[in-house]
Protein backbone atom coordinates (compact mmCIF):
# COMPACT_ATOMS: atom_id res chain seq x y z
CA UNK A 1 -38.21 -122.24 -1.80
CA UNK A 2 -38.17 -124.99 0.81
CA UNK A 3 -34.93 -123.62 2.25
CA UNK A 4 -36.48 -120.13 2.51
CA UNK A 5 -39.58 -121.54 4.20
CA UNK A 6 -37.50 -123.45 6.71
CA UNK A 7 -35.42 -120.36 7.46
CA UNK A 8 -38.58 -118.27 7.94
CA UNK A 9 -40.05 -120.90 10.29
CA UNK A 10 -36.81 -121.02 12.29
CA UNK A 11 -36.69 -117.21 12.54
CA UNK A 12 -40.32 -117.01 13.71
CA UNK A 13 -39.68 -119.71 16.28
CA UNK A 14 -36.73 -117.80 17.68
CA UNK A 15 -38.80 -114.61 17.90
CA UNK A 16 -41.58 -116.42 19.75
CA UNK A 17 -39.10 -117.93 22.17
CA UNK A 18 -37.21 -114.72 22.84
CA UNK A 19 -40.14 -112.29 23.01
CA UNK A 20 -41.63 -113.48 26.34
CA UNK A 21 -38.19 -113.29 27.96
CA UNK A 22 -37.70 -109.72 26.78
CA UNK A 23 -41.09 -108.70 28.11
CA UNK A 24 -40.49 -110.33 31.49
CA UNK A 25 -37.10 -108.62 31.88
CA UNK A 26 -38.57 -105.10 31.67
CA UNK A 27 -38.54 -105.09 35.48
CA UNK A 28 -36.19 -106.78 37.93
CA UNK A 29 -36.23 -107.13 41.73
CA UNK A 30 -32.67 -106.86 43.04
CA UNK A 31 -30.91 -106.56 46.41
CA UNK A 32 -28.07 -104.07 46.79
CA UNK A 33 -25.94 -102.62 49.60
CA UNK A 34 -24.93 -98.97 49.93
CA UNK A 35 -22.21 -97.50 52.13
CA UNK A 36 -21.71 -93.97 53.48
CA UNK A 37 -19.43 -92.20 55.94
CA UNK A 38 -21.04 -91.04 59.21
CA UNK A 39 -19.92 -87.48 59.95
CA UNK A 40 -20.09 -86.94 63.71
CA UNK A 41 -23.54 -87.96 64.89
CA UNK A 42 -25.27 -87.27 61.56
CA UNK A 43 -26.58 -90.80 61.02
CA UNK A 44 -29.66 -89.57 59.12
CA UNK A 45 -27.51 -87.82 56.51
CA UNK A 46 -25.33 -90.91 56.18
CA UNK A 47 -28.42 -93.09 55.80
CA UNK A 48 -29.67 -90.95 52.90
CA UNK A 49 -26.26 -91.18 51.22
CA UNK A 50 -26.08 -94.95 51.78
CA UNK A 51 -29.57 -95.44 50.34
CA UNK A 52 -28.60 -93.36 47.31
CA UNK A 53 -25.48 -95.51 46.87
CA UNK A 54 -27.58 -98.69 47.14
CA UNK A 55 -30.09 -97.39 44.62
CA UNK A 56 -27.31 -96.66 42.16
CA UNK A 57 -25.88 -100.14 42.56
CA UNK A 58 -29.36 -101.66 42.19
CA UNK A 59 -29.81 -99.96 38.84
CA UNK A 60 -26.38 -101.12 37.64
CA UNK A 61 -27.09 -104.67 38.82
CA UNK A 62 -30.52 -104.80 37.15
CA UNK A 63 -29.18 -103.48 33.85
CA UNK A 64 -26.39 -106.07 33.96
CA UNK A 65 -28.93 -108.85 34.53
CA UNK A 66 -31.05 -107.55 31.67
CA UNK A 67 -28.16 -107.47 29.20
CA UNK A 68 -26.81 -110.86 30.30
CA UNK A 69 -30.22 -112.53 29.97
CA UNK A 70 -30.97 -111.09 26.54
CA UNK A 71 -28.51 -112.30 23.92
CA UNK A 72 -29.28 -109.71 21.26
CA UNK A 73 -28.39 -110.53 17.67
CA UNK A 74 -28.22 -108.08 14.80
CA UNK A 75 -27.37 -109.35 11.32
CA UNK A 76 -26.35 -112.65 12.98
CA UNK A 77 -23.70 -110.84 15.09
CA UNK A 78 -23.92 -110.26 18.82
CA UNK A 79 -24.26 -106.55 19.60
CA UNK A 80 -21.26 -105.20 21.51
CA UNK A 81 -21.12 -104.48 25.22
CA UNK A 82 -21.73 -100.79 24.47
CA UNK A 83 -25.42 -101.68 24.97
CA UNK A 84 -24.74 -101.59 28.69
CA UNK A 85 -23.77 -97.92 28.61
CA UNK A 86 -26.79 -97.04 26.47
CA UNK A 87 -29.42 -98.90 28.52
CA UNK A 88 -31.07 -96.83 31.22
CA UNK A 89 -32.76 -98.05 34.37
CA UNK A 90 -34.81 -96.42 37.07
CA UNK A 91 -36.17 -97.46 40.44
CA UNK A 92 -39.95 -97.75 40.73
CA UNK A 93 -39.95 -98.63 44.45
CA UNK A 94 -37.62 -99.86 47.16
CA UNK A 95 -37.50 -101.05 50.81
CA UNK A 96 -34.71 -100.87 53.37
CA UNK A 97 -34.19 -104.41 54.71
CA UNK A 98 -30.98 -104.04 56.74
CA UNK A 99 -28.89 -101.32 58.35
CA UNK A 100 -25.54 -101.83 60.10
CA UNK A 101 -23.08 -99.28 61.54
CA UNK A 102 -19.40 -100.27 61.50
CA UNK A 103 -17.13 -97.65 63.10
CA UNK A 104 -17.71 -94.53 61.00
CA UNK A 105 -19.39 -96.40 58.13
CA UNK A 106 -23.10 -97.06 57.68
CA UNK A 107 -24.17 -99.99 55.50
CA UNK A 108 -27.75 -100.09 54.19
CA UNK A 109 -29.26 -102.97 52.22
CA UNK A 110 -32.34 -102.45 50.03
CA UNK A 111 -34.56 -104.49 47.76
CA UNK A 112 -35.58 -102.49 44.72
CA UNK A 113 -37.91 -102.87 41.75
CA UNK A 114 -35.89 -101.61 38.80
CA UNK A 115 -37.38 -101.02 35.36
CA UNK A 116 -35.60 -100.19 32.12
CA UNK A 117 -36.54 -97.86 29.31
CA UNK A 118 -38.27 -94.50 29.63
CA UNK A 119 -39.59 -93.04 32.85
CA UNK A 120 -42.82 -92.06 31.12
CA UNK A 121 -45.55 -91.03 33.54
CA UNK A 122 -44.28 -92.94 36.58
CA UNK A 123 -44.37 -90.10 39.10
CA UNK A 124 -43.13 -92.34 41.91
CA UNK A 125 -40.08 -93.33 39.86
CA UNK A 126 -39.43 -89.69 38.92
CA UNK A 127 -39.70 -88.73 42.59
CA UNK A 128 -37.11 -91.34 43.57
CA UNK A 129 -34.84 -90.22 40.73
CA UNK A 130 -35.10 -86.58 41.84
CA UNK A 131 -34.07 -87.62 45.34
CA UNK A 132 -31.06 -89.47 43.96
CA UNK A 133 -29.84 -86.32 42.17
CA UNK A 134 -30.49 -84.19 45.29
CA UNK A 135 -33.71 -82.55 44.04
CA UNK A 136 -32.28 -79.88 41.72
CA UNK A 137 -34.29 -76.64 41.70
CA UNK A 138 -35.20 -75.02 38.39
CA UNK A 139 -35.89 -71.38 37.57
CA UNK A 140 -37.37 -69.94 34.37
CA UNK A 141 -35.74 -66.99 32.55
CA UNK A 142 -37.82 -66.61 29.39
CA UNK A 143 -38.57 -63.38 27.55
CA UNK A 144 -41.97 -63.16 25.86
CA UNK A 145 -43.82 -60.97 23.38
CA UNK A 146 -47.50 -61.53 22.70
CA UNK A 147 -49.92 -59.84 20.31
CA UNK A 148 -50.59 -56.27 21.38
CA UNK A 149 -47.29 -55.92 23.22
CA UNK A 150 -44.98 -53.30 21.79
CA UNK A 151 -41.87 -54.79 23.37
CA UNK A 152 -40.52 -58.13 24.45
CA UNK A 153 -41.14 -58.50 28.22
CA UNK A 154 -38.84 -60.01 30.83
CA UNK A 155 -39.01 -60.05 34.59
CA UNK A 156 -35.38 -60.20 35.72
CA UNK A 157 -34.66 -56.47 35.63
CA UNK A 158 -36.27 -54.20 38.22
CA UNK A 159 -34.82 -50.90 37.08
CA UNK A 160 -36.66 -47.98 35.47
CA UNK A 161 -38.25 -49.91 32.62
CA UNK A 162 -41.96 -49.39 33.11
CA UNK A 163 -42.67 -50.25 29.47
CA UNK A 164 -41.45 -53.76 30.22
CA UNK A 165 -42.89 -54.10 33.69
CA UNK A 166 -46.46 -53.37 32.59
CA UNK A 167 -46.36 -56.37 30.26
CA UNK A 168 -44.88 -59.01 32.54
CA UNK A 169 -48.24 -59.95 34.05
CA UNK A 170 -49.06 -61.95 30.90
CA UNK A 171 -46.30 -64.56 31.42
CA UNK A 172 -47.92 -67.32 29.36
CA UNK A 173 -44.72 -69.27 28.68
CA UNK A 174 -43.45 -68.93 32.25
CA UNK A 175 -46.72 -70.22 33.75
CA UNK A 176 -47.11 -73.03 31.24
CA UNK A 177 -43.57 -74.32 31.79
CA UNK A 178 -44.02 -74.04 35.55
CA UNK A 179 -47.20 -76.13 35.44
CA UNK A 180 -45.72 -78.83 33.20
CA UNK A 181 -42.49 -79.22 35.15
CA UNK A 182 -44.23 -79.22 38.55
CA UNK A 183 -46.66 -81.82 37.20
CA UNK A 184 -43.68 -84.12 36.57
CA UNK A 185 -42.21 -83.67 40.02
CA UNK A 186 -39.65 -80.94 39.37
CA UNK A 187 -38.95 -78.44 42.15
CA UNK A 188 -39.41 -74.96 40.68
CA UNK A 189 -38.35 -71.56 42.03
CA UNK A 190 -40.88 -68.73 41.80
CA UNK A 191 -38.93 -65.69 40.64
CA UNK A 192 -41.25 -63.36 42.54
CA UNK A 193 -40.43 -65.12 45.81
CA UNK A 194 -36.71 -65.18 44.96
CA UNK A 195 -36.51 -61.61 43.64
CA UNK A 196 -35.14 -60.27 46.93
CA UNK A 197 -32.06 -62.48 46.53
CA UNK A 198 -31.41 -61.42 42.92
CA UNK A 199 -29.09 -58.45 42.44
CA UNK A 200 -28.56 -57.27 38.86
CA UNK A 201 -27.07 -54.30 37.03
CA UNK A 202 -28.04 -52.48 33.84
CA UNK A 203 -26.15 -55.15 31.91
CA UNK A 204 -29.02 -57.54 32.63
CA UNK A 205 -31.64 -55.28 31.05
CA UNK A 206 -31.68 -57.40 27.88
CA UNK A 207 -34.00 -60.04 26.51
CA UNK A 208 -31.23 -62.41 25.36
CA UNK A 209 -29.21 -63.27 28.43
CA UNK A 210 -25.77 -64.75 27.91
CA UNK A 211 -25.14 -68.20 29.35
CA UNK A 212 -23.04 -66.68 32.13
CA UNK A 213 -25.69 -64.07 32.99
CA UNK A 214 -28.39 -66.75 33.19
CA UNK A 215 -26.17 -68.89 35.42
CA UNK A 216 -25.47 -65.90 37.68
CA UNK A 217 -29.16 -65.10 38.12
CA UNK A 218 -29.98 -68.72 38.77
CA UNK A 219 -27.20 -69.08 41.34
CA UNK A 220 -28.39 -65.97 43.19
CA UNK A 221 -31.84 -67.54 43.47
CA UNK A 222 -30.26 -70.85 44.61
CA UNK A 223 -31.36 -72.68 41.45
CA UNK A 224 -29.33 -75.60 40.13
CA UNK A 225 -30.92 -75.36 36.65
CA UNK A 226 -32.19 -72.39 34.62
CA UNK A 227 -34.44 -72.50 31.56
CA UNK A 228 -33.60 -69.60 29.27
CA UNK A 229 -34.98 -68.49 25.93
CA UNK A 230 -37.62 -66.45 24.18
CA UNK A 231 -41.15 -66.76 22.83
CA UNK A 232 -42.81 -64.61 20.19
CA UNK A 233 -46.40 -64.54 18.86
CA UNK A 234 -47.26 -62.90 15.52
CA UNK A 235 -50.56 -62.21 13.79
CA UNK A 236 -50.81 -64.34 10.66
CA UNK A 237 -54.10 -62.99 9.30
CA UNK A 238 -57.87 -63.50 9.15
CA UNK A 239 -59.25 -66.96 8.48
CA UNK A 240 -62.89 -66.01 8.02
CA UNK A 241 -65.84 -65.56 10.32
CA UNK A 242 -64.02 -62.83 12.19
CA UNK A 243 -61.40 -65.29 13.48
CA UNK A 244 -57.76 -64.27 13.76
CA UNK A 245 -54.86 -66.66 13.16
CA UNK A 246 -51.74 -66.28 15.29
CA UNK A 247 -48.51 -68.24 15.17
CA UNK A 248 -45.98 -68.56 18.00
CA UNK A 249 -42.34 -69.61 18.14
CA UNK A 250 -40.55 -70.66 21.33
CA UNK A 251 -36.86 -71.45 21.70
CA UNK A 252 -35.54 -72.73 25.05
CA UNK A 253 -32.53 -74.38 26.68
CA UNK A 254 -31.98 -75.82 30.16
CA UNK A 255 -28.54 -75.14 31.68
CA UNK A 256 -26.88 -76.13 34.94
CA UNK A 257 -25.88 -73.05 36.92
CA UNK A 258 -22.75 -74.57 38.47
CA UNK A 259 -21.07 -76.13 35.41
CA UNK A 260 -22.87 -74.55 32.45
CA UNK A 261 -23.80 -77.99 31.10
CA UNK A 262 -26.70 -77.84 28.64
CA UNK A 263 -29.25 -80.44 29.73
CA UNK A 264 -31.85 -79.96 27.00
CA UNK A 265 -32.99 -77.68 24.18
CA UNK A 266 -36.27 -77.24 22.35
CA UNK A 267 -37.52 -75.13 19.46
CA UNK A 268 -41.26 -75.30 18.83
CA UNK A 269 -43.94 -73.71 16.67
CA UNK A 270 -47.69 -73.57 17.20
CA UNK A 271 -50.75 -71.81 15.79
CA UNK A 272 -54.15 -70.86 17.18
CA UNK A 273 -57.30 -69.05 16.04
CA UNK A 274 -59.71 -66.93 18.06
CA UNK A 275 -62.02 -64.02 17.58
CA UNK A 276 -59.59 -62.06 19.79
CA UNK A 277 -56.05 -61.84 18.45
CA UNK A 278 -54.69 -61.50 22.00
CA UNK A 279 -56.47 -64.70 23.07
CA UNK A 280 -55.21 -66.43 19.94
CA UNK A 281 -51.70 -65.30 20.87
CA UNK A 282 -52.13 -66.67 24.38
CA UNK A 283 -53.29 -70.04 23.03
CA UNK A 284 -50.46 -70.25 20.48
CA UNK A 285 -47.79 -69.41 23.06
CA UNK A 286 -49.27 -71.93 25.49
CA UNK A 287 -49.28 -74.68 22.85
CA UNK A 288 -45.68 -73.95 21.85
CA UNK A 289 -44.53 -73.84 25.48
CA UNK A 290 -46.34 -77.12 26.20
CA UNK A 291 -44.62 -78.80 23.26
CA UNK A 292 -41.26 -77.43 24.43
CA UNK A 293 -41.80 -78.76 27.96
CA UNK A 294 -42.79 -82.18 26.62
CA UNK A 295 -39.55 -82.26 24.61
CA UNK A 296 -37.27 -81.03 27.38
CA UNK A 297 -38.54 -82.98 30.40
CA UNK A 298 -37.64 -86.46 29.02
CA UNK A 299 -34.19 -85.18 27.96
CA UNK A 300 -33.45 -83.77 31.41
CA UNK A 301 -34.72 -86.90 33.15
CA UNK A 302 -32.62 -89.07 30.82
CA UNK A 303 -29.46 -87.21 31.87
CA UNK A 304 -30.39 -87.52 35.55
CA UNK A 305 -31.05 -91.25 35.12
CA UNK A 306 -27.75 -91.72 33.29
CA UNK A 307 -25.88 -89.99 36.10
CA UNK A 308 -27.56 -92.16 38.72
CA UNK A 309 -26.84 -95.36 36.82
CA UNK A 310 -23.43 -94.28 35.53
CA UNK A 311 -21.11 -91.34 36.12
CA UNK A 312 -21.38 -87.58 36.24
CA UNK A 313 -18.77 -84.90 35.62
CA UNK A 314 -17.77 -83.03 38.80
CA UNK A 315 -15.56 -79.93 38.57
CA UNK A 316 -13.05 -79.53 41.42
CA UNK A 317 -11.00 -76.43 42.24
CA UNK A 318 -8.28 -76.54 44.91
CA UNK A 319 -6.45 -73.41 46.09
CA UNK A 320 -3.28 -72.88 48.13
CA UNK A 321 -1.29 -75.94 47.11
CA UNK A 322 2.13 -76.52 45.57
CA UNK A 323 3.00 -79.05 42.89
CA UNK A 324 3.97 -81.77 45.36
CA UNK A 325 0.71 -81.34 47.24
CA UNK A 326 -1.19 -81.40 43.96
CA UNK A 327 0.36 -84.75 43.03
CA UNK A 328 -0.57 -86.14 46.46
CA UNK A 329 -4.14 -84.81 46.18
CA UNK A 330 -4.64 -86.45 42.79
CA UNK A 331 -3.27 -89.76 44.10
CA UNK A 332 -5.71 -89.79 47.04
CA UNK A 333 -8.60 -88.73 44.82
CA UNK A 334 -7.92 -91.48 42.28
CA UNK A 335 -7.19 -94.33 44.65
CA UNK A 336 -8.97 -93.65 47.93
CA UNK A 337 -12.26 -91.95 47.07
CA UNK A 338 -15.11 -94.28 46.12
CA UNK A 339 -16.80 -93.86 42.77
CA UNK A 340 -14.02 -91.97 40.95
CA UNK A 341 -13.72 -93.47 37.46
CA UNK A 342 -11.53 -90.88 35.77
CA UNK A 343 -9.61 -87.68 36.51
CA UNK A 344 -8.89 -84.93 33.98
CA UNK A 345 -6.46 -82.17 34.95
CA UNK A 346 -7.56 -78.84 33.49
CA UNK A 347 -4.96 -76.39 34.82
CA UNK A 348 -2.46 -75.69 37.60
CA UNK A 349 -1.32 -72.12 38.02
CA UNK A 350 -0.36 -69.83 40.92
CA UNK A 351 -1.31 -72.41 43.53
CA UNK A 352 -4.74 -73.08 42.01
CA UNK A 353 -5.55 -76.48 40.53
CA UNK A 354 -8.61 -77.14 38.40
CA UNK A 355 -9.74 -80.60 37.38
CA UNK A 356 -12.82 -82.63 36.56
CA UNK A 357 -13.60 -86.18 37.60
CA UNK A 358 -15.99 -88.78 36.26
CA UNK A 359 -17.73 -89.87 39.44
CA UNK A 360 -20.56 -92.13 40.45
CA UNK A 361 -21.23 -89.78 43.37
CA UNK A 362 -22.12 -86.11 43.77
CA UNK A 363 -19.69 -83.39 44.79
CA UNK A 364 -21.10 -83.39 48.32
CA UNK A 365 -20.30 -87.09 48.81
CA UNK A 366 -16.81 -86.59 47.37
CA UNK A 367 -16.22 -83.69 49.77
CA UNK A 368 -17.36 -85.82 52.75
CA UNK A 369 -14.83 -88.50 51.88
CA UNK A 370 -11.99 -86.07 51.16
CA UNK A 371 -12.45 -84.38 54.53
CA UNK A 372 -11.58 -87.70 56.23
CA UNK A 373 -8.56 -88.62 54.10
CA UNK A 374 -4.95 -88.39 55.25
CA UNK A 375 -2.89 -86.19 52.93
CA UNK A 376 0.20 -86.29 55.13
CA UNK A 377 1.54 -82.79 55.78
CA UNK A 378 -1.68 -80.99 54.84
CA UNK A 379 -5.46 -81.24 54.93
CA UNK A 380 -8.21 -79.94 52.67
CA UNK A 381 -11.12 -77.76 53.71
CA UNK A 382 -14.36 -77.44 51.77
CA UNK A 383 -15.16 -73.81 50.92
CA UNK A 384 -18.12 -74.41 48.63
CA UNK A 385 -20.02 -77.16 46.84
CA UNK A 386 -22.98 -77.86 44.60
CA UNK A 387 -24.16 -81.17 43.18
CA UNK A 388 -21.56 -80.99 40.39
CA UNK A 389 -18.91 -78.56 41.60
CA UNK A 390 -16.51 -78.63 44.55
CA UNK A 391 -14.25 -75.87 45.88
CA UNK A 392 -11.46 -76.74 48.32
CA UNK A 393 -8.48 -75.06 49.94
CA UNK A 394 -5.33 -76.57 51.40
CA UNK A 395 -4.66 -75.94 55.09
CA UNK A 396 -1.51 -76.95 56.99
CA UNK A 397 -1.74 -79.50 59.78
């Protein structure tokens, strides 16, 4: 009994000693330097890239300090270094303290307040994070059927479907998602404003868009992310006093338009009562859409934060090269481009090479660096890029 008491006292003492340290390490102030290539006279663009690079390094540095200063023990065994890859950090604020131009390189030094854990309601931190991932734009492609509507309604087809068009003014899910995402600092695309850029055929006159169809529509509207899915409200019955009970189900997924990566999913259910069954349907759909947004937003932000503090997958396609040139391109990409942590060859056929890289930087930054590299007998020209996809072609010197 005495031995147990002594062990309990020792354990409590350790907890009391460690707890203040853990609390204090929730936020760190670190100094980090970022570097970027100056293209021509575009110093402002290089400065933004250098700041982004410095922010990324600040997060990595702060997480490393946090892990090093917290010796975590589980069942009397030190937890493995995999904690480092699981811990997420985000910048709450930062200041530029130094800027130096050396030839075609710009070096920027910042001091940053870096916190770990969830972003929560820190709008300033979310705003900084969105800037680091190049402010991806999001568009909503959700079909909806409320009480009193004979058909499921969707907005993305403008053909001769008047029975759909007359119902699209009650876009409860669309409006609710728009409000919730904008509230958190997301940049949203209004489909009415973008409709002139969207060109579709009869194949799109369906409520359940395929992943490729959703990506195509989103790309035409210049969206980097699309939220697709469906919501349905059904009358459940009377609950007394003339009130109607309605239940709603919403199923959504957020997908990147360039790579098809699924960022988040949500399936929600909600109920509402009202003397008007239509109003009850509106309330139920709004509740279900709100719950879906509250599930999806943290998931999407977590992926963005992971990419800023770690690596992202960038798809690269190169056309017009032979096998020897392909080997040279891979060598330069692996050994001369900053931030490349891994290269996976997908295919090489008929002069077209497809690969993916694990990179600390976006496709745009990779393309900037590749355009300045010496490949010997050939050069590469950028024909298209998004944040996570790069298209190049080989040109002779």
